[in-house]
Amino acid sequence: MALYADLHRHLGGSVVPRVLWRYFKRRDREMAQRFPEYPEFEEFYTRERNTLDEYLELHTLVEGVQTPETLPYFIYRLIRGAYIFENLAYLELRYTPYLRTDERLSQNERLDQMAEIVEIVGKASQVPEYPIVTRQILCMHSRLPHDVNRAIAKLAAQMPEYVCAIDVAGGDAHYADRLDEFTRLYEWARSQNIKTTGHLYETPDGCYPELLPYLMRIGHGIQIPLLRPELLPEIARRGQCLEVCPTTYLKTGTLDDLHQLKTVFDRCFEAGVDIAICTDNAGLHNVRLPFEYENLLTQDVIDFAQLQACQDAAFRHAFAWPHPQRPESLLTEALGAS
């Protein structure tokens, strides 16, 4: 059995359409009336969008129902599916905890509630019958005020038993006016030994070289080999890894065809830059991690050697995987030693 690691998966985008539709049927009369039959909801939920901003609006649909009371319901089904259908051994879930707090509270009360959200997600992710190693990445957000983003970074430092890193999300085109702010937050995080990644170079409008030195991994980053390949040697020198999420770029209109990623993989491998293949939003896409690999392989974007290299890179660059190798490599070594 091939065992996988997914380093870039959003909690909001992890809910598969049928689970979300069934939740609406039971708990949300307005959505149940809007989508009385499942096929029309699946078509709405998983169809391609014209832009990344339009695509990100779907996250608000799920964020609104992922409350302290319902998070265990959604996370149990997420972990069960990831273990049974994807053979995941390791999963990093990322989300913005502030967006799961009670909107009726004041900002300070919501900031206090974030620790409760992190604990709920952490405990709900530990399912004995589905033993996946899980950690959380807390996302700062381009649409949230500085005080909230600072509190998110500090929360990552306070809860290392659950949190492995911080990120910045919200559409990379919206960072331009706040680069100094995010630079300072990342600089502080690195000074506290907090690991870092960030949504960057996903779209042509999200290219900010100023943030690159502060990141240990780069969320997406496909525009670097496509538009700025001269940056690749420095990225290789830093040992940074790209978190490439193939289906996302079709769903957001960033790419027209999956084969356009061949340039990304070829240039990165030539420069010695690692790539971890990820899902981003496996539920929203209705495409699980093994099929991301299979689609790249069958469409001649990568070959089998590159596939295995990406599998290895995912475990090697995982922020909390306890071994430098993937599980089947450890098993092979153990069998050889015996």
Protein backbone atom coordinates (compact mmCIF):
# COMPACT_ATOMS: atom_id res chain seq x y z
CA MET A 1 0.00 0.00 0.00
CA ALA A 2 1.35 3.42 -0.96
CA LEU A 3 1.04 5.81 1.96
CA TYR A 4 0.73 9.52 1.30
CA ALA A 5 1.35 12.84 3.03
CA ASP A 6 -0.77 15.89 2.23
CA LEU A 7 0.93 19.13 3.28
CA HIS A 8 -1.62 21.59 1.90
CA ARG A 9 -5.26 20.92 2.71
CA HIS A 10 -7.76 23.48 3.92
CA LEU A 11 -10.20 22.53 6.63
CA GLY A 12 -12.99 24.39 4.85
CA GLY A 13 -12.30 22.76 1.51
CA SER A 14 -11.96 19.28 2.98
CA VAL A 15 -15.68 18.61 3.35
CA VAL A 16 -16.78 16.36 0.49
CA PRO A 17 -19.95 17.56 -1.25
CA ARG A 18 -22.22 14.71 -0.14
CA VAL A 19 -21.31 15.16 3.54
CA LEU A 20 -21.96 18.89 3.28
CA TRP A 21 -25.25 18.39 1.41
CA ARG A 22 -26.47 15.90 4.02
CA TYR A 23 -25.59 18.38 6.74
CA PHE A 24 -27.64 21.07 4.99
CA LYS A 25 -30.58 18.67 4.61
CA ARG A 26 -30.59 18.09 8.37
CA ARG A 27 -29.59 21.47 9.73
CA ASP A 28 -30.00 24.28 7.17
CA ARG A 29 -33.48 24.72 5.73
CA GLU A 30 -32.50 27.54 3.37
CA MET A 31 -29.70 25.55 1.71
CA ALA A 32 -31.83 22.39 1.67
CA GLN A 33 -34.56 24.24 -0.22
CA ARG A 34 -32.03 25.77 -2.60
CA PHE A 35 -30.54 22.35 -3.41
CA PRO A 36 -33.25 19.73 -2.81
CA GLU A 37 -31.39 17.10 -4.85
CA TYR A 38 -27.73 16.13 -4.46
CA PRO A 39 -26.56 16.24 -8.14
CA GLU A 40 -27.35 19.94 -8.51
CA PHE A 41 -25.50 20.74 -5.29
CA GLU A 42 -22.44 18.76 -6.39
CA GLU A 43 -22.41 20.58 -9.73
CA PHE A 44 -22.60 23.96 -7.97
CA TYR A 45 -20.01 23.07 -5.34
CA THR A 46 -17.35 21.51 -7.57
CA ARG A 47 -17.63 23.42 -10.85
CA GLU A 48 -14.78 25.56 -12.18
CA ARG A 49 -14.72 29.26 -11.29
CA ASN A 50 -13.40 32.17 -13.34
CA THR A 51 -10.99 33.62 -10.77
CA LEU A 52 -9.30 32.72 -7.52
CA ASP A 53 -11.38 35.32 -5.63
CA GLU A 54 -14.62 33.82 -6.95
CA TYR A 55 -13.39 30.37 -5.96
CA LEU A 56 -12.45 31.49 -2.44
CA GLU A 57 -16.02 32.67 -1.82
CA LEU A 58 -16.97 28.99 -1.52
CA HIS A 59 -14.88 28.74 1.64
CA THR A 60 -17.27 31.12 3.38
CA LEU A 61 -20.08 28.63 2.73
CA VAL A 62 -18.28 26.00 4.82
CA GLU A 63 -16.70 28.33 7.38
CA GLY A 64 -20.17 29.43 8.38
CA VAL A 65 -21.17 25.92 9.44
CA GLN A 66 -17.84 24.85 11.00
CA THR A 67 -18.67 25.96 14.53
CA PRO A 68 -17.26 24.64 17.82
CA GLU A 69 -20.29 22.35 18.00
CA THR A 70 -20.07 20.94 14.46
CA LEU A 71 -16.30 20.75 13.89
CA PRO A 72 -15.98 17.23 15.39
CA TYR A 73 -18.73 16.02 13.01
CA PHE A 74 -16.93 17.31 9.93
CA ILE A 75 -13.41 16.37 11.05
CA TYR A 76 -14.30 12.77 11.90
CA ARG A 77 -15.61 12.26 8.37
CA LEU A 78 -12.58 14.01 6.92
CA ILE A 79 -10.14 11.75 8.79
CA ARG A 80 -12.13 8.61 8.02
CA GLY A 81 -12.15 9.36 4.29
CA ALA A 82 -8.48 10.36 4.23
CA TYR A 83 -7.45 7.08 5.86
CA ILE A 84 -9.76 4.68 4.02
CA PHE A 85 -9.85 6.22 0.54
CA GLU A 86 -6.53 8.09 0.32
CA ASN A 87 -4.12 5.98 2.38
CA LEU A 88 -2.88 9.10 4.15
CA ALA A 89 -0.27 8.59 6.83
CA TYR A 90 0.25 12.31 7.49
CA LEU A 91 -1.99 15.35 7.10
CA GLU A 92 -1.49 19.04 7.77
CA LEU A 93 -4.83 20.84 8.03
CA ARG A 94 -4.78 24.58 7.58
CA TYR A 95 -7.46 27.12 8.40
CA THR A 96 -8.08 30.50 9.98
CA PRO A 97 -9.29 29.86 13.55
CA TYR A 98 -10.84 33.32 13.90
CA LEU A 99 -13.32 32.47 11.12
CA ARG A 100 -14.64 29.52 13.19
CA THR A 101 -15.40 31.65 16.26
CA ASP A 102 -18.80 33.01 17.22
CA GLU A 103 -19.58 36.11 15.14
CA ARG A 104 -21.87 37.40 17.89
CA LEU A 105 -18.90 37.94 20.20
CA SER A 106 -16.64 40.99 20.36
CA GLN A 107 -13.27 40.83 18.60
CA ASN A 108 -11.42 40.26 21.87
CA GLU A 109 -13.82 37.49 22.86
CA ARG A 110 -13.37 35.87 19.47
CA LEU A 111 -9.59 36.06 19.86
CA ASP A 112 -9.92 34.28 23.20
CA GLN A 113 -12.12 31.62 21.63
CA MET A 114 -9.50 30.75 19.00
CA ALA A 115 -7.58 28.55 21.45
CA GLU A 116 -10.75 26.53 22.01
CA ILE A 117 -11.12 26.06 18.25
CA VAL A 118 -7.55 24.81 17.92
CA GLU A 119 -8.07 22.35 20.76
CA ILE A 120 -11.34 21.09 19.27
CA VAL A 121 -9.71 20.52 15.88
CA GLY A 122 -6.70 18.85 17.49
CA LYS A 123 -8.71 16.44 19.61
CA ALA A 124 -11.23 15.64 16.87
CA SER A 125 -8.38 14.78 14.49
CA GLN A 126 -7.13 12.03 16.80
CA VAL A 127 -9.30 9.08 15.77
CA PRO A 128 -7.89 5.76 17.09
CA GLU A 129 -9.41 3.62 14.34
CA TYR A 130 -7.92 5.90 11.65
CA PRO A 131 -4.36 6.56 12.89
CA ILE A 132 -3.20 9.47 10.74
CA VAL A 133 -0.53 11.81 12.11
CA THR A 134 -2.18 15.24 11.94
CA ARG A 135 -1.06 18.79 12.67
CA GLN A 136 -2.60 22.21 12.14
CA ILE A 137 -1.32 25.19 10.19
CA LEU A 138 -2.94 28.44 11.35
CA CYS A 139 -3.66 30.87 8.53
CA MET A 140 -3.35 34.58 8.89
CA HIS A 141 -5.66 36.23 6.38
CA SER A 142 -5.35 39.11 3.94
CA ARG A 143 -8.88 40.30 4.83
CA LEU A 144 -8.38 40.30 8.61
CA PRO A 145 -6.96 43.21 10.67
CA HIS A 146 -3.38 43.17 11.91
CA ASP A 147 -4.37 42.57 15.53
CA VAL A 148 -6.17 39.38 14.57
CA ASN A 149 -3.31 38.10 12.40
CA ARG A 150 -0.82 38.85 15.18
CA ALA A 151 -2.98 36.89 17.64
CA ILE A 152 -3.09 33.96 15.22
CA ALA A 153 0.72 33.89 15.00
CA LYS A 154 1.03 34.08 18.79
CA LEU A 155 -1.50 31.26 19.18
CA ALA A 156 0.70 29.03 17.00
CA ALA A 157 3.55 29.60 19.45
CA GLN A 158 1.31 28.85 22.44
CA MET A 159 -0.11 25.53 21.21
CA PRO A 160 2.76 23.49 19.68
CA GLU A 161 1.08 20.23 20.65
CA TYR A 162 -1.48 20.89 17.89
CA VAL A 163 0.05 23.56 15.62
CA CYS A 164 3.09 23.03 13.40
CA ALA A 165 3.24 26.28 11.37
CA ILE A 166 1.62 29.52 10.24
CA ASP A 167 0.48 30.56 6.78
CA VAL A 168 -1.06 33.60 5.09
CA ALA A 169 -4.13 33.08 2.92
CA GLY A 170 -7.03 35.00 1.44
CA GLY A 171 -5.91 35.40 -2.16
CA ASP A 172 -2.33 36.34 -2.96
CA ALA A 173 -3.33 39.37 -5.04
CA HIS A 174 -4.42 41.13 -1.82
CA TYR A 175 -1.07 41.20 0.01
CA ALA A 176 0.53 44.14 -1.79
CA ASP A 177 -0.54 46.90 0.60
CA ARG A 178 0.35 44.82 3.68
CA LEU A 179 3.73 43.32 2.80
CA ASP A 180 5.53 45.08 5.68
CA GLU A 181 2.96 43.74 8.13
CA PHE A 182 3.22 40.14 6.95
CA THR A 183 7.01 40.37 6.74
CA ARG A 184 7.18 41.43 10.40
CA LEU A 185 4.83 38.65 11.47
CA TYR A 186 6.85 36.03 9.60
CA GLU A 187 10.09 37.44 10.97
CA TRP A 188 8.70 37.20 14.50
CA ALA A 189 7.48 33.65 13.87
CA ARG A 190 10.91 32.51 12.70
CA SER A 191 12.47 34.11 15.81
CA GLN A 192 10.14 31.93 17.90
CA ASN A 193 11.05 28.77 15.93
CA ILE A 194 7.58 28.61 14.39
CA LYS A 195 7.63 26.95 10.98
CA THR A 196 6.32 28.93 8.04
CA THR A 197 4.57 28.54 4.72
CA GLY A 198 2.47 30.97 2.72
CA HIS A 199 0.17 31.25 -0.27
CA LEU A 200 2.49 32.92 -2.74
CA TYR A 201 3.15 32.98 -6.49
CA GLU A 202 -0.11 31.10 -7.06
CA THR A 203 -1.34 33.67 -9.57
CA PRO A 204 0.54 36.20 -11.71
CA ASP A 205 -0.79 38.92 -9.37
CA GLY A 206 0.63 37.28 -6.26
CA CYS A 207 4.38 37.47 -6.87
CA TYR A 208 6.15 38.99 -3.84
CA PRO A 209 9.84 38.10 -3.61
CA GLU A 210 10.05 40.10 -0.37
CA LEU A 211 8.26 37.32 1.53
CA LEU A 212 10.21 34.38 0.10
CA PRO A 213 13.16 34.48 2.55
CA TYR A 214 10.83 33.98 5.50
CA LEU A 215 9.10 30.85 4.19
CA MET A 216 10.23 27.27 4.75
CA ARG A 217 7.72 26.02 2.17
CA ILE A 218 5.87 27.94 -0.53
CA GLY A 219 2.13 27.41 -0.86
CA HIS A 220 1.58 26.79 -4.59
CA GLY A 221 4.48 28.85 -6.00
CA ILE A 222 3.80 27.74 -9.58
CA GLN A 223 4.41 31.20 -11.02
CA ILE A 224 8.05 31.01 -9.93
CA PRO A 225 9.04 28.38 -12.52
CA LEU A 226 6.51 29.77 -15.00
CA LEU A 227 7.32 33.50 -14.76
CA ARG A 228 10.43 33.88 -12.57
CA PRO A 229 12.60 30.78 -13.14
CA GLU A 230 15.70 32.82 -12.25
CA LEU A 231 14.55 32.56 -8.60
CA LEU A 232 14.74 28.76 -8.58
CA PRO A 233 18.47 28.42 -7.72
CA GLU A 234 18.01 30.54 -4.60
CA ILE A 235 14.91 28.55 -3.60
CA ALA A 236 16.91 25.35 -4.03
CA ARG A 237 19.72 26.79 -1.90
CA ARG A 238 17.27 27.59 0.90
CA GLY A 239 15.81 24.08 0.69
CA GLN A 240 12.30 25.42 0.13
CA CYS A 241 9.59 23.12 -1.21
CA LEU A 242 6.67 24.07 -3.45
CA GLU A 243 3.23 22.84 -2.38
CA VAL A 244 1.68 22.23 -5.80
CA CYS A 245 -2.08 21.57 -5.88
CA PRO A 246 -2.88 20.60 -9.49
CA THR A 247 -6.69 20.59 -9.58
CA THR A 248 -6.89 23.99 -7.90
CA TYR A 249 -5.39 25.79 -10.88
CA LEU A 250 -8.10 24.44 -13.17
CA LYS A 251 -10.89 25.25 -10.71
CA THR A 252 -9.69 28.85 -10.23
CA GLY A 253 -8.99 29.61 -13.89
CA THR A 254 -5.28 30.09 -13.13
CA LEU A 255 -4.38 27.46 -15.74
CA ASP A 256 -6.35 26.24 -18.75
CA ASP A 257 -4.87 22.78 -18.93
CA LEU A 258 -3.16 20.44 -16.47
CA HIS A 259 -0.32 19.86 -18.93
CA GLN A 260 0.84 23.45 -18.35
CA LEU A 261 2.25 22.15 -15.07
CA LYS A 262 4.84 20.12 -16.95
CA THR A 263 6.97 23.26 -17.21
CA VAL A 264 6.65 23.70 -13.44
CA PHE A 265 7.83 20.18 -12.68
CA ASP A 266 10.56 20.09 -15.31
CA ARG A 267 12.12 23.41 -14.29
CA CYS A 268 11.92 22.59 -10.58
CA PHE A 269 13.52 19.17 -10.99
CA GLU A 270 16.24 20.65 -13.19
CA ALA A 271 16.99 23.31 -10.55
CA GLY A 272 16.85 20.88 -7.62
CA VAL A 273 13.68 22.36 -6.10
CA ASP A 274 11.43 19.86 -4.33
CA ILE A 275 7.70 19.64 -5.02
CA ALA A 276 5.08 18.14 -2.72
CA ILE A 277 1.86 17.29 -4.56
CA CYS A 278 -1.15 18.31 -2.48
CA THR A 279 -4.94 18.56 -2.72
CA ASP A 280 -5.61 22.06 -1.33
CA ASN A 281 -9.38 21.43 -1.19
CA ALA A 282 -10.00 17.74 -1.72
CA GLY A 283 -13.69 17.96 -0.84
CA LEU A 284 -14.40 21.08 -2.83
CA HIS A 285 -12.72 19.51 -5.87
CA ASN A 286 -14.04 16.00 -5.21
CA VAL A 287 -10.51 14.84 -6.14
CA ARG A 288 -8.48 12.94 -3.54
CA LEU A 289 -4.69 12.88 -3.29
CA PRO A 290 -3.97 9.56 -5.09
CA PHE A 291 -5.92 10.87 -8.07
CA GLU A 292 -3.88 14.09 -8.14
CA TYR A 293 -0.84 11.86 -8.66
CA GLU A 294 -2.63 9.66 -11.17
CA ASN A 295 -3.90 12.61 -13.23
CA LEU A 296 -0.40 14.07 -13.50
CA LEU A 297 1.02 10.70 -14.49
CA THR A 298 -1.60 9.71 -17.06
CA GLN A 299 -1.48 13.13 -18.70
CA ASP A 300 2.33 12.91 -19.02
CA VAL A 301 3.01 15.84 -16.72
CA ILE A 302 5.34 13.68 -14.60
CA ASP A 303 6.85 10.22 -14.93
CA PHE A 304 7.04 7.45 -12.33
CA ALA A 305 10.44 8.54 -11.04
CA GLN A 306 9.21 12.09 -10.53
CA LEU A 307 6.06 10.76 -8.86
CA GLN A 308 8.12 8.88 -6.31
CA ALA A 309 10.38 11.89 -5.79
CA CYS A 310 7.34 14.02 -4.98
CA GLN A 311 6.02 11.39 -2.57
CA ASP A 312 9.38 11.37 -0.80
CA ALA A 313 9.54 15.18 -0.75
CA ALA A 314 6.15 15.42 0.95
CA PHE A 315 7.37 13.40 3.94
CA ARG A 316 10.81 15.01 3.96
CA HIS A 317 9.32 18.52 4.12
CA ALA A 318 6.47 17.67 6.49
CA PHE A 319 6.63 19.95 9.50
CA ALA A 320 5.83 17.26 12.07
CA TRP A 321 6.44 13.85 10.45
CA PRO A 322 8.75 12.05 12.90
CA HIS A 323 10.94 10.36 10.26
CA PRO A 324 12.83 11.70 7.23
CA GLN A 325 11.38 8.93 5.03
CA ARG A 326 7.92 7.88 3.99
CA PRO A 327 6.33 4.87 5.74
CA GLU A 328 6.89 2.21 3.10
CA SER A 329 10.58 3.09 2.94
CA LEU A 330 10.83 2.53 6.68
CA LEU A 331 9.04 -0.80 6.31
CA THR A 332 11.40 -1.88 3.51
CA GLU A 333 14.42 -1.03 5.67
CA ALA A 334 12.97 -2.96 8.62
CA LEU A 335 12.32 -6.03 6.49
CA GLY A 336 15.83 -5.83 5.04
CA ALA A 337 17.37 -5.59 8.48
CA SER A 338 15.50 -8.66 9.66
